[in-house]
Protein backbone atom coordinates (compact mmCIF):
# COMPACT_ATOMS: atom_id res chain seq x y z
CA MET A 1 123.86 103.62 107.76
CA VAL A 2 121.07 105.74 109.18
CA SER A 3 121.84 107.36 112.50
CA LYS A 4 119.59 106.91 115.49
CA LYS A 5 118.62 110.59 115.40
CA GLU A 6 117.62 110.40 111.72
CA LYS A 7 115.55 107.26 112.35
CA GLU A 8 113.81 108.94 115.29
CA THR A 9 113.03 111.99 113.16
CA GLU A 10 111.66 109.77 110.40
CA ASN A 11 109.49 107.84 112.87
CA MET A 12 108.13 111.06 114.36
CA ALA A 13 107.24 112.28 110.85
CA LYS A 14 105.36 109.03 110.16
CA ALA A 15 103.50 109.36 113.46
CA ALA A 16 102.57 112.94 112.58
CA ARG A 17 101.20 111.82 109.18
CA ALA A 18 99.13 109.11 110.89
CA ILE A 19 97.79 111.65 113.39
CA ILE A 20 96.64 113.92 110.56
CA ILE A 21 94.84 111.01 108.86
CA ILE A 22 93.16 109.81 112.06
CA GLN A 23 92.22 113.38 112.98
CA GLY A 24 90.21 113.47 109.74
CA VAL A 25 88.10 110.61 111.13
CA VAL A 26 87.72 112.40 114.46
CA ASP A 27 86.50 115.58 112.74
CA ASN A 28 84.01 113.83 110.42
CA ASN A 29 80.45 114.07 111.78
CA ASN A 30 79.25 111.32 109.42
CA ILE A 31 81.10 108.75 111.51
CA PRO A 32 79.41 107.37 114.66
CA ARG A 33 80.37 109.12 117.89
CA ASN A 34 81.84 106.04 119.56
CA ILE A 35 84.20 105.49 116.61
CA ARG A 36 85.27 109.16 116.66
CA ARG A 37 85.87 108.92 120.42
CA LEU A 38 88.10 105.86 119.99
CA ALA A 39 89.98 107.55 117.15
CA LYS A 40 90.50 110.60 119.39
CA GLU A 41 91.97 108.33 122.09
CA VAL A 42 94.38 106.91 119.51
CA VAL A 43 95.44 110.43 118.49
CA ASP A 44 95.97 111.38 122.13
CA GLY A 45 98.05 108.23 122.66
CA LEU A 46 100.23 109.03 119.66
CA LYS A 47 100.79 112.57 120.93
CA ASP A 48 101.82 111.38 124.41
CA ASP A 49 105.61 111.64 124.75
CA THR A 50 105.98 109.24 127.68
CA PRO A 51 106.52 105.90 125.88
CA SER A 52 108.77 105.55 122.86
CA VAL A 53 107.35 106.20 119.41
CA GLY A 54 107.50 102.48 118.63
CA VAL A 55 105.37 101.61 121.65
CA ARG A 56 102.89 104.38 120.83
CA ALA A 57 102.65 103.13 117.24
CA ALA A 58 102.08 99.54 118.36
CA ASN A 59 99.34 100.62 120.76
CA ALA A 60 97.71 102.73 118.05
CA ILE A 61 97.84 99.87 115.52
CA SER A 62 96.18 97.53 117.99
CA ALA A 63 93.41 100.01 118.79
CA LEU A 64 92.82 100.92 115.12
CA GLU A 65 92.58 97.28 114.09
CA ASP A 66 89.95 96.74 116.78
CA VAL A 67 88.02 99.84 115.70
CA SER A 68 88.15 98.90 112.02
CA GLN A 69 86.39 95.60 112.81
CA ASP A 70 83.36 97.44 114.22
CA PRO A 71 80.39 96.96 111.86
CA ASN A 72 79.27 100.56 112.53
CA VAL A 73 82.37 101.99 110.86
CA PRO A 74 81.53 103.32 107.38
CA SER A 75 83.64 101.76 104.64
CA PHE A 76 85.35 105.05 103.74
CA ALA A 77 86.42 105.50 107.38
CA ARG A 78 87.65 101.90 107.56
CA VAL A 79 89.91 102.49 104.56
CA THR A 80 91.19 105.70 106.13
CA LEU A 81 92.02 103.88 109.36
CA TRP A 82 93.79 101.14 107.42
CA ASN A 83 95.86 103.82 105.69
CA ALA A 84 96.93 105.16 109.10
CA VAL A 85 97.78 101.61 110.25
CA SER A 86 99.90 101.13 107.14
CA ILE A 87 101.90 104.27 107.95
CA LEU A 88 102.29 103.30 111.60
CA GLU A 89 103.54 99.83 110.67
CA GLY A 90 106.54 101.54 109.04
CA ILE A 91 107.76 102.83 112.42
CA ARG A 92 110.71 100.82 113.66
CA GLU A 93 113.07 101.57 116.51
């Protein structure tokens, strides 16, 4: 059985991987500014330590799914955001 501390460490590692992926979208100047701004807000939300990691992941998933539906998002960025969502969906408390 996995201890609570090990699960928390694993969840934090998954969140960190998702942050790195989303940060790639934020730093890419080929992506429209409004999309980069929304991605930056998601990164900031994931870095905030106030709510639990599960709540932060759920909020990020919701925001990323909304962003990925925007027709202005280039297809390569959409796939990148889906990859981050896939990682975040693995976070369980």
